[in-house]
């Protein structure tokens, strides 16, 4: 005969007991409720394992992520074109097809970006945005003069106006929205979460950032700093980065792309050393980043999340890391919207960012190059680097110090100023610094100000100076070993 089933035990909401030892601030012998022992400020945990997600259409993770990886990271040739990534091929095709029409498109975008700042009220947020709103109006005038062929002769210097408009404004203005389309595939279907868990043991202790920030770093080196910033801004607004993490990623990983590095290497006649230059620059840039995250101003940036965003802090992983990575990817995939919605939202955000970025690139870039070309401003600023250059015994300390300072205006300028040097140590040092310095006013600074990443102009100049000093200190001994 089967034993009778016992009735279910009643669950009491709270039971009182007498403490035999002090509990928190309570003396032994006090009578307390068990529920009182729970600290409402401490996160609660459950012994029950979370259910393993089973998203529909798991193939989306593999197919869409593969398309995103191909678009951002795999260089290839089309016909007689240079070997570059798909995004660059698309932008080149668009500019070639439009011809001079790309300048008209840039002018329309600059006008739209200027109107956007005033309509949304962003220009009133702080003094920096007020200044850039005024500079956006100047950008309309400068772009109109270059497009319609009127204005002062210095503006039509091929290394000033045409360089800024054709090489930076048009390229960046097209690259951001085109890249945003493929960005949706790269970050919207679980790949960021998967990679983030895998590289967490490196990124968190070394750079104080989530593992998924590794994707930002690679996207910048192989794609563009503008695409890296687009990823960073999106991750910050979604609650995946806090303010300090977003600032670290933007100021430490959002370098100029490998394509720009090729231009620098060609200018300095260093293509015979391209492989060494690329990898050493990659390593030194990240060594400098690992140092700067531990000192002001970055170390003092609050770890607050974007207002209104739901924080998604990185979880500590125990056990099988690959399984944990796949589980995080499936969790993201389970809540991912349709491909069409992802692509549209990213393209819309890309257009919005592009029209905000390029007015600053147009106006600030021209002003910076005019000052560097026709005035001694940057030679005067270069005085701050003179003791460092003299101590490291680099050739022509005054000229070298001035060249380092011009990098704040445009990352390419230092390379042009030392191109005629016979010292490979100097050229290699300048070549690495051009990339590792991160910030420059012709493009990077306006691009950051167009985002919500908590970096202002003062912080960016401070970080730029620190990065230049650290890069030169590290690079010169390495250059002496190579040459």
Protein backbone atom coordinates (compact mmCIF):
# COMPACT_ATOMS: atom_id res chain seq x y z
CA UNK A 1 0.00 0.00 0.00
CA UNK A 2 1.36 3.41 -0.99
CA UNK A 3 2.16 5.80 1.81
CA UNK A 4 -0.17 8.81 1.94
CA UNK A 5 1.18 12.01 0.39
CA UNK A 6 1.95 14.54 3.13
CA UNK A 7 0.13 17.86 2.84
CA UNK A 8 2.19 20.78 1.52
CA UNK A 9 3.93 22.81 4.20
CA UNK A 10 2.64 26.30 4.76
CA UNK A 11 5.06 29.06 3.88
CA UNK A 12 5.22 31.76 6.51
CA UNK A 13 5.98 35.24 5.20
CA UNK A 14 8.37 35.96 8.04
CA UNK A 15 9.54 34.20 11.19
CA UNK A 16 11.04 35.67 14.33
CA UNK A 17 14.15 34.28 16.00
CA UNK A 18 16.54 35.34 18.70
CA UNK A 19 20.01 36.18 17.49
CA UNK A 20 22.80 34.28 19.27
CA UNK A 21 25.45 36.61 17.78
CA UNK A 22 25.43 40.25 16.69
CA UNK A 23 23.65 40.71 13.35
CA UNK A 24 24.84 43.88 11.66
CA UNK A 25 24.21 46.54 14.33
CA UNK A 26 21.98 44.35 16.52
CA UNK A 27 23.32 42.98 19.82
CA UNK A 28 23.20 39.29 20.65
CA UNK A 29 19.82 38.23 22.06
CA UNK A 30 17.81 40.71 19.99
CA UNK A 31 14.61 39.43 18.44
CA UNK A 32 14.46 40.12 14.72
CA UNK A 33 12.54 39.07 11.66
CA UNK A 34 14.38 36.91 9.12
CA UNK A 35 13.22 39.31 6.39
CA UNK A 36 14.97 42.14 8.26
CA UNK A 37 18.34 40.52 7.54
CA UNK A 38 18.08 41.29 3.84
CA UNK A 39 19.94 44.41 2.85
CA UNK A 40 17.74 46.20 0.29
CA UNK A 41 20.87 47.79 -1.22
CA UNK A 42 22.51 44.44 -1.96
CA UNK A 43 21.67 42.54 -5.17
CA UNK A 44 19.63 39.44 -4.57
CA UNK A 45 20.73 36.15 -6.03
CA UNK A 46 18.91 32.97 -6.73
CA UNK A 47 20.23 29.44 -6.61
CA UNK A 48 17.97 28.48 -9.47
CA UNK A 49 19.87 28.55 -12.76
CA UNK A 50 18.63 30.93 -15.43
CA UNK A 51 16.81 29.19 -18.23
CA UNK A 52 18.98 28.70 -21.29
CA UNK A 53 17.63 30.94 -24.07
CA UNK A 54 16.41 29.32 -27.27
CA UNK A 55 15.98 32.17 -29.77
CA UNK A 56 14.31 31.54 -33.08
CA UNK A 57 16.44 31.68 -36.24
CA UNK A 58 19.83 31.17 -34.60
CA UNK A 59 21.29 31.31 -38.11
CA UNK A 60 20.98 35.11 -37.89
CA UNK A 61 23.92 35.21 -35.48
CA UNK A 62 26.19 33.46 -37.95
CA UNK A 63 24.97 34.99 -41.22
CA UNK A 64 24.50 38.62 -40.18
CA UNK A 65 27.63 38.68 -38.02
CA UNK A 66 29.66 37.20 -40.88
CA UNK A 67 28.40 39.93 -43.23
CA UNK A 68 29.30 42.59 -40.66
CA UNK A 69 32.79 41.12 -40.14
CA UNK A 70 33.37 40.96 -43.87
CA UNK A 71 32.24 44.57 -44.39
CA UNK A 72 34.42 45.97 -41.59
CA UNK A 73 37.49 43.77 -41.41
CA UNK A 74 38.27 41.88 -44.64
CA UNK A 75 40.26 43.86 -47.23
CA UNK A 76 40.05 42.81 -50.88
CA UNK A 77 40.57 44.21 -54.37
CA UNK A 78 37.99 44.98 -57.05
CA UNK A 79 39.64 45.17 -60.45
CA UNK A 80 42.57 47.56 -60.35
CA UNK A 81 41.44 49.22 -57.13
CA UNK A 82 43.49 49.23 -53.94
CA UNK A 83 42.98 46.44 -51.43
CA UNK A 84 40.58 47.77 -48.78
CA UNK A 85 37.44 46.87 -46.86
CA UNK A 86 33.95 46.71 -48.41
CA UNK A 87 32.86 50.00 -46.80
CA UNK A 88 35.73 51.86 -48.41
CA UNK A 89 34.95 50.29 -51.79
CA UNK A 90 31.32 51.43 -51.49
CA UNK A 91 32.28 54.99 -50.52
CA UNK A 92 34.82 55.15 -53.37
CA UNK A 93 32.15 53.95 -55.83
CA UNK A 94 29.68 56.57 -54.59
CA UNK A 95 32.18 59.45 -54.81
CA UNK A 96 33.35 58.30 -58.25
CA UNK A 97 29.77 58.02 -59.50
CA UNK A 98 28.75 61.41 -58.12
CA UNK A 99 31.93 63.19 -59.22
CA UNK A 100 31.64 66.90 -58.46
CA UNK A 101 28.11 66.19 -57.25
CA UNK A 102 29.61 64.84 -54.01
CA UNK A 103 30.57 68.42 -53.10
CA UNK A 104 26.96 69.54 -53.51
CA UNK A 105 25.87 66.61 -51.35
CA UNK A 106 28.41 67.64 -48.70
CA UNK A 107 27.10 71.22 -48.76
CA UNK A 108 23.51 70.02 -48.29
CA UNK A 109 24.62 67.81 -45.38
CA UNK A 110 26.52 70.68 -43.72
CA UNK A 111 23.47 72.94 -44.01
CA UNK A 112 21.28 70.17 -42.56
CA UNK A 113 23.70 69.59 -39.69
CA UNK A 114 23.83 73.28 -38.85
CA UNK A 115 20.03 73.58 -38.87
CA UNK A 116 19.80 70.41 -36.73
CA UNK A 117 21.94 71.97 -33.98
CA UNK A 118 19.69 75.01 -33.71
CA UNK A 119 16.34 73.19 -34.12
CA UNK A 120 17.16 70.59 -31.42
CA UNK A 121 18.67 73.18 -29.09
CA UNK A 122 21.94 71.25 -28.75
CA UNK A 123 23.86 74.48 -29.35
CA UNK A 124 22.68 75.75 -25.93
CA UNK A 125 23.97 72.77 -23.93
CA UNK A 126 27.42 74.22 -23.18
CA UNK A 127 29.96 76.75 -24.44
CA UNK A 128 31.76 74.21 -26.62
CA UNK A 129 28.57 73.38 -28.52
CA UNK A 130 27.81 77.08 -28.88
CA UNK A 131 31.23 77.59 -30.44
CA UNK A 132 30.76 74.65 -32.80
CA UNK A 133 27.32 75.92 -33.77
CA UNK A 134 28.95 79.18 -34.86
CA UNK A 135 31.69 77.24 -36.64
CA UNK A 136 28.99 75.24 -38.45
CA UNK A 137 27.70 78.47 -39.97
CA UNK A 138 31.27 79.20 -41.08
CA UNK A 139 31.45 75.68 -42.53
CA UNK A 140 28.50 76.46 -44.82
CA UNK A 141 30.35 79.49 -46.20
CA UNK A 142 33.65 77.60 -46.65
CA UNK A 143 32.01 74.63 -48.37
CA UNK A 144 29.96 76.93 -50.61
CA UNK A 145 33.11 78.81 -51.69
CA UNK A 146 34.92 75.56 -52.52
CA UNK A 147 31.89 74.10 -54.28
CA UNK A 148 31.07 77.15 -56.43
CA UNK A 149 34.68 78.35 -56.91
CA UNK A 150 34.84 81.74 -55.23
CA UNK A 151 36.79 83.05 -52.25
CA UNK A 152 40.35 83.75 -51.08
CA UNK A 153 43.28 82.00 -52.74
CA UNK A 154 44.55 80.42 -49.50
CA UNK A 155 41.32 78.43 -49.23
CA UNK A 156 42.03 76.78 -52.60
CA UNK A 157 45.51 75.66 -51.57
CA UNK A 158 45.29 71.90 -52.39
CA UNK A 159 46.61 71.08 -48.92
CA UNK A 160 43.92 73.13 -47.15
CA UNK A 161 40.38 73.57 -48.55
CA UNK A 162 40.28 70.81 -51.18
CA UNK A 163 42.06 68.40 -48.82
CA UNK A 164 39.55 68.96 -46.01
CA UNK A 165 36.49 68.83 -48.28
CA UNK A 166 37.42 65.98 -50.61
CA UNK A 167 39.54 63.76 -48.36
CA UNK A 168 37.81 64.24 -45.01
CA UNK A 169 34.35 65.83 -45.19
CA UNK A 170 33.04 63.81 -48.14
CA UNK A 171 34.73 60.57 -47.11
CA UNK A 172 33.63 60.71 -43.47
CA UNK A 173 30.18 62.02 -44.40
CA UNK A 174 29.56 58.98 -46.61
CA UNK A 175 31.42 56.43 -44.52
CA UNK A 176 29.36 56.97 -41.36
CA UNK A 177 25.87 56.23 -42.79
CA UNK A 178 27.14 53.45 -45.07
CA UNK A 179 29.04 51.92 -42.17
CA UNK A 180 26.01 52.31 -39.91
CA UNK A 181 24.04 49.92 -42.13
CA UNK A 182 26.59 47.15 -41.70
CA UNK A 183 27.12 48.14 -38.08
CA UNK A 184 23.63 46.85 -37.35
CA UNK A 185 24.71 43.38 -38.46
CA UNK A 186 27.93 43.58 -36.47
CA UNK A 187 26.47 44.63 -33.12
CA UNK A 188 22.76 43.79 -33.28
CA UNK A 189 22.66 40.01 -33.28
CA UNK A 190 24.90 38.83 -30.45
CA UNK A 191 28.44 39.06 -31.85
CA UNK A 192 29.49 41.87 -29.46
CA UNK A 193 28.27 39.88 -26.48
CA UNK A 194 29.97 36.69 -27.69
CA UNK A 195 33.36 38.35 -28.23
CA UNK A 196 32.98 40.41 -25.09
CA UNK A 197 32.78 37.37 -22.83
CA UNK A 198 35.75 35.70 -24.55
CA UNK A 199 38.17 38.62 -24.21
CA UNK A 200 36.90 39.90 -20.87
CA UNK A 201 39.99 38.54 -19.01
CA UNK A 202 42.17 40.88 -21.13
CA UNK A 203 40.09 44.02 -21.61
CA UNK A 204 38.83 44.48 -18.05
CA UNK A 205 42.11 44.26 -16.10
CA UNK A 206 44.27 45.97 -18.74
CA UNK A 207 41.99 48.71 -20.09
CA UNK A 208 39.17 48.84 -17.50
CA UNK A 209 36.60 48.33 -20.25
CA UNK A 210 34.14 45.52 -21.07
CA UNK A 211 35.33 42.73 -23.33
CA UNK A 212 33.03 43.86 -26.12
CA UNK A 213 35.11 47.06 -26.47
CA UNK A 214 37.65 44.92 -28.35
CA UNK A 215 35.31 45.12 -31.34
CA UNK A 216 35.52 48.94 -31.19
CA UNK A 217 39.30 48.78 -31.24
CA UNK A 218 39.48 46.52 -34.28
CA UNK A 219 36.75 48.48 -36.10
CA UNK A 220 38.77 51.67 -35.72
CA UNK A 221 42.11 50.21 -36.80
CA UNK A 222 40.74 48.36 -39.81
CA UNK A 223 37.81 50.63 -40.58
CA UNK A 224 37.60 54.21 -39.33
CA UNK A 225 37.61 56.16 -36.08
CA UNK A 226 34.21 57.53 -37.10
CA UNK A 227 32.79 53.99 -37.20
CA UNK A 228 34.45 53.19 -33.89
CA UNK A 229 32.82 56.28 -32.36
CA UNK A 230 29.48 55.28 -33.85
CA UNK A 231 29.76 51.90 -32.10
CA UNK A 232 30.89 53.51 -28.83
CA UNK A 233 28.09 56.08 -28.81
CA UNK A 234 25.52 53.37 -29.50
CA UNK A 235 26.89 51.12 -26.75
CA UNK A 236 26.92 54.03 -24.27
CA UNK A 237 23.34 55.03 -25.02
CA UNK A 238 22.21 51.39 -24.75
CA UNK A 239 23.71 51.06 -21.28
CA UNK A 240 26.50 48.68 -22.30
CA UNK A 241 29.21 51.21 -21.33
CA UNK A 242 29.20 53.66 -18.47
CA UNK A 243 30.55 57.17 -18.99
CA UNK A 244 34.16 56.39 -18.09
CA UNK A 245 34.20 53.23 -20.21
CA UNK A 246 32.83 55.12 -23.21
CA UNK A 247 35.47 57.82 -22.73
CA UNK A 248 38.25 55.20 -22.48
CA UNK A 249 37.12 53.49 -25.68
CA UNK A 250 36.80 56.79 -27.57
CA UNK A 251 40.12 58.22 -26.35
CA UNK A 252 42.11 55.00 -26.42
CA UNK A 253 40.88 52.88 -29.31
CA UNK A 254 39.30 55.25 -31.87
CA UNK A 255 42.42 55.71 -33.96
CA UNK A 256 42.73 56.58 -37.61
CA UNK A 257 42.34 53.55 -39.83
CA UNK A 258 44.94 51.32 -41.41
CA UNK A 259 44.23 53.15 -44.68
CA UNK A 260 45.47 56.42 -43.16
CA UNK A 261 48.46 54.55 -41.77
CA UNK A 262 49.37 53.51 -45.31
CA UNK A 263 49.25 57.17 -46.37
CA UNK A 264 51.52 58.15 -43.47
CA UNK A 265 53.96 55.35 -44.26
CA UNK A 266 54.10 56.32 -47.95
CA UNK A 267 54.65 59.98 -47.10
CA UNK A 268 57.60 59.08 -44.86
CA UNK A 269 58.99 56.52 -47.34
CA UNK A 270 58.51 53.66 -44.86
CA UNK A 271 56.55 51.10 -46.87
CA UNK A 272 59.58 48.77 -46.77
CA UNK A 273 58.91 48.58 -43.03
CA UNK A 274 55.10 48.47 -43.27
CA UNK A 275 54.52 45.25 -41.31
CA UNK A 276 56.76 46.33 -38.42
CA UNK A 277 55.23 49.80 -38.46
CA UNK A 278 51.63 48.52 -38.36
CA UNK A 279 52.07 46.03 -35.52
CA UNK A 280 54.38 48.20 -33.41
CA UNK A 281 51.96 51.11 -33.76
CA UNK A 282 49.09 48.82 -32.74
CA UNK A 283 50.98 47.64 -29.64
CA UNK A 284 52.30 51.05 -28.58
CA UNK A 285 48.89 52.69 -29.02
CA UNK A 286 47.32 50.19 -26.65
CA UNK A 287 50.19 50.38 -24.16
CA UNK A 288 49.65 54.13 -23.99
CA UNK A 289 45.91 53.54 -23.53
CA UNK A 290 46.56 51.12 -20.65
CA UNK A 291 48.55 53.88 -18.92
CA UNK A 292 46.18 56.78 -19.57
CA UNK A 293 43.13 54.99 -18.15
CA UNK A 294 44.86 54.96 -14.75
CA UNK A 295 45.63 58.69 -14.55
CA UNK A 296 43.63 61.93 -14.80
CA UNK A 297 41.66 63.15 -16.60
CA UNK A 298 40.21 59.77 -17.60
CA UNK A 299 40.42 58.25 -14.11
CA UNK A 300 38.24 61.09 -12.78
CA UNK A 301 35.39 60.71 -15.28
CA UNK A 302 32.26 59.48 -13.41
CA UNK A 303 31.11 55.92 -14.00
CA UNK A 304 27.54 57.06 -14.60
CA UNK A 305 25.39 55.49 -17.27
CA UNK A 306 23.67 57.47 -20.02
CA UNK A 307 20.54 59.18 -18.63
CA UNK A 308 17.50 57.02 -19.21
CA UNK A 309 19.51 53.98 -20.37
CA UNK A 310 19.11 50.60 -18.68
CA UNK A 311 22.58 49.61 -17.41
CA UNK A 312 23.96 46.32 -18.72
CA UNK A 313 27.17 45.90 -16.72
CA UNK A 314 29.43 43.06 -17.69
CA UNK A 315 28.91 39.85 -15.73
CA UNK A 316 31.78 38.01 -14.07
CA UNK A 317 32.14 34.63 -15.78
CA UNK A 318 32.89 31.40 -13.96
CA UNK A 319 33.06 27.99 -15.57
CA UNK A 320 33.20 27.33 -19.30
CA UNK A 321 33.80 30.72 -20.93
CA UNK A 322 32.88 29.58 -24.44
CA UNK A 323 29.52 28.28 -23.25
CA UNK A 324 28.94 31.50 -21.33
CA UNK A 325 29.80 33.54 -24.44
CA UNK A 326 27.35 31.57 -26.57
CA UNK A 327 24.65 31.96 -23.93
CA UNK A 328 25.10 35.76 -23.84
CA UNK A 329 24.93 35.85 -27.64
CA UNK A 330 21.66 33.89 -27.59
CA UNK A 331 20.18 36.20 -24.96
CA UNK A 332 20.90 39.17 -27.22
CA UNK A 333 19.63 37.31 -30.28
CA UNK A 334 16.37 36.45 -28.51
CA UNK A 335 15.50 40.13 -28.08
CA UNK A 336 16.91 41.34 -31.41
CA UNK A 337 14.30 42.99 -33.70
CA UNK A 338 13.96 42.23 -37.39
CA UNK A 339 16.85 42.89 -39.74
CA UNK A 340 14.93 45.65 -41.51
CA UNK A 341 14.28 47.53 -38.26
CA UNK A 342 17.91 47.18 -37.13
CA UNK A 343 19.26 48.46 -40.46
CA UNK A 344 16.84 51.38 -40.59
CA UNK A 345 17.55 52.51 -37.01
CA UNK A 346 21.30 52.33 -37.56
CA UNK A 347 21.12 54.12 -40.92
CA UNK A 348 18.97 56.88 -39.38
CA UNK A 349 21.45 57.29 -36.50
CA UNK A 350 24.33 57.28 -38.99
CA UNK A 351 22.78 60.09 -41.03
CA UNK A 352 22.14 62.08 -37.85
CA UNK A 353 25.72 61.64 -36.67
CA UNK A 354 27.22 62.40 -40.10
CA UNK A 355 25.44 65.75 -40.51
CA UNK A 356 26.58 66.75 -37.00
CA UNK A 357 30.20 65.72 -37.56
CA UNK A 358 31.08 67.18 -40.95
CA UNK A 359 30.36 70.89 -40.26
CA UNK A 360 33.02 70.80 -37.52
CA UNK A 361 35.46 68.92 -39.74
CA UNK A 362 35.00 71.53 -42.48
CA UNK A 363 35.46 74.64 -40.35
CA UNK A 364 37.88 73.45 -37.65
CA UNK A 365 39.95 71.53 -40.19
CA UNK A 366 40.42 74.57 -42.41
CA UNK A 367 41.24 76.85 -39.46
CA UNK A 368 43.77 74.35 -38.09
CA UNK A 369 45.52 73.87 -41.43
CA UNK A 370 45.63 77.63 -42.10
CA UNK A 371 47.23 78.23 -38.70
CA UNK A 372 49.72 75.42 -39.26
CA UNK A 373 50.60 76.56 -42.79
CA UNK A 374 50.66 80.34 -42.52
CA UNK A 375 51.34 81.17 -38.84
CA UNK A 376 53.87 80.19 -36.14
CA UNK A 377 51.11 79.17 -33.70
CA UNK A 378 52.01 75.50 -33.61
CA UNK A 379 55.73 76.21 -33.47
CA UNK A 380 55.03 78.22 -30.34
CA UNK A 381 52.89 75.42 -28.92
CA UNK A 382 55.69 73.01 -29.74
CA UNK A 383 57.81 74.60 -27.00
CA UNK A 384 56.10 72.29 -24.48
CA UNK A 385 57.63 69.28 -26.27
CA UNK A 386 61.12 70.76 -26.64
CA UNK A 387 62.59 69.36 -23.37
CA UNK A 388 61.33 65.87 -24.27
CA UNK A 389 62.67 66.00 -27.84
CA UNK A 390 66.03 67.43 -26.67
CA UNK A 391 66.40 64.79 -23.93
CA UNK A 392 65.74 61.97 -26.40
CA UNK A 393 68.26 63.51 -28.82
CA UNK A 394 65.93 63.62 -31.80
CA UNK A 395 67.29 65.72 -34.69
CA UNK A 396 66.44 69.43 -35.01
CA UNK A 397 64.56 69.72 -31.66
CA UNK A 398 62.75 72.99 -32.48
CA UNK A 399 61.37 71.76 -35.81
CA UNK A 400 60.49 68.34 -34.36
CA UNK A 401 58.69 69.92 -31.39
CA UNK A 402 56.65 72.08 -33.74
CA UNK A 403 55.81 69.06 -35.90
CA UNK A 404 54.50 67.17 -32.88
CA UNK A 405 52.29 70.14 -31.95
CA UNK A 406 50.74 70.37 -35.43
CA UNK A 407 49.23 66.93 -34.89
CA UNK A 408 46.58 68.61 -32.75
CA UNK A 409 45.30 70.39 -35.88
CA UNK A 410 45.49 67.42 -38.27
CA UNK A 411 47.05 64.00 -37.64
CA UNK A 412 48.73 63.98 -41.06
CA UNK A 413 50.60 67.28 -40.66
CA UNK A 414 53.56 66.01 -38.57
CA UNK A 415 54.32 63.44 -41.27
CA UNK A 416 54.40 66.07 -44.01
CA UNK A 417 56.71 68.32 -41.95
CA UNK A 418 59.38 65.65 -41.32
CA UNK A 419 59.09 63.84 -44.65
CA UNK A 420 62.39 65.31 -45.86
CA UNK A 421 64.36 64.14 -42.81
CA UNK A 422 67.14 61.59 -43.26
CA UNK A 423 66.60 60.18 -39.75
CA UNK A 424 64.53 56.99 -39.82
CA UNK A 425 64.29 57.13 -36.03
CA UNK A 426 62.56 60.51 -36.28
CA UNK A 427 60.27 59.47 -39.12
CA UNK A 428 59.28 56.24 -37.38
CA UNK A 429 58.57 58.09 -34.12
CA UNK A 430 56.41 60.67 -35.90
CA UNK A 431 54.61 57.95 -37.87
CA UNK A 432 53.62 56.11 -34.68
CA UNK A 433 52.66 59.32 -32.87
CA UNK A 434 50.34 60.40 -35.71
CA UNK A 435 48.20 57.34 -34.96
CA UNK A 436 48.62 56.98 -31.20
CA UNK A 437 47.77 60.62 -30.38
CA UNK A 438 44.08 59.83 -31.18
CA UNK A 439 42.72 63.40 -31.05
CA UNK A 440 43.03 66.08 -33.75
CA UNK A 441 40.83 69.07 -34.47
CA UNK A 442 40.30 68.55 -38.19
CA UNK A 443 38.04 65.54 -37.63
CA UNK A 444 38.28 63.55 -34.39
CA UNK A 445 37.38 66.35 -31.95
CA UNK A 446 34.24 67.42 -33.86
CA UNK A 447 33.26 63.76 -34.24
CA UNK A 448 33.43 63.19 -30.47
CA UNK A 449 31.48 66.38 -29.76
CA UNK A 450 28.74 65.14 -32.08
CA UNK A 451 28.22 62.15 -29.76
CA UNK A 452 27.05 62.00 -26.14
CA UNK A 453 30.35 60.52 -24.92
CA UNK A 454 31.40 62.52 -21.80
CA UNK A 455 34.53 64.16 -23.24
CA UNK A 456 34.86 67.92 -23.66
CA UNK A 457 37.51 69.90 -25.53
CA UNK A 458 39.67 70.52 -22.46
CA UNK A 459 39.77 66.82 -21.56
CA UNK A 460 40.58 65.87 -25.16
CA UNK A 461 43.51 68.33 -25.32
CA UNK A 462 44.84 67.01 -22.00
CA UNK A 463 44.58 63.42 -23.20
CA UNK A 464 46.21 64.35 -26.53
CA UNK A 465 49.21 65.91 -24.76
CA UNK A 466 49.66 62.94 -22.41
CA UNK A 467 49.39 60.45 -25.27
CA UNK A 468 51.96 62.31 -27.40
CA UNK A 469 54.48 62.42 -24.54
CA UNK A 470 54.01 58.75 -23.65
CA UNK A 471 54.13 57.65 -27.30
CA UNK A 472 57.39 59.48 -27.99
CA UNK A 473 58.96 58.12 -24.79
CA UNK A 474 58.07 54.54 -25.73
CA UNK A 475 58.68 54.75 -29.47
CA UNK A 476 62.15 56.34 -29.61
CA UNK A 477 63.94 53.39 -27.91
CA UNK A 478 62.05 50.94 -30.16
CA UNK A 479 63.02 52.98 -33.26
CA UNK A 480 66.69 52.88 -32.23
CA UNK A 481 66.50 49.08 -32.04
CA UNK A 482 64.99 48.90 -35.55
CA UNK A 483 67.19 51.42 -37.37
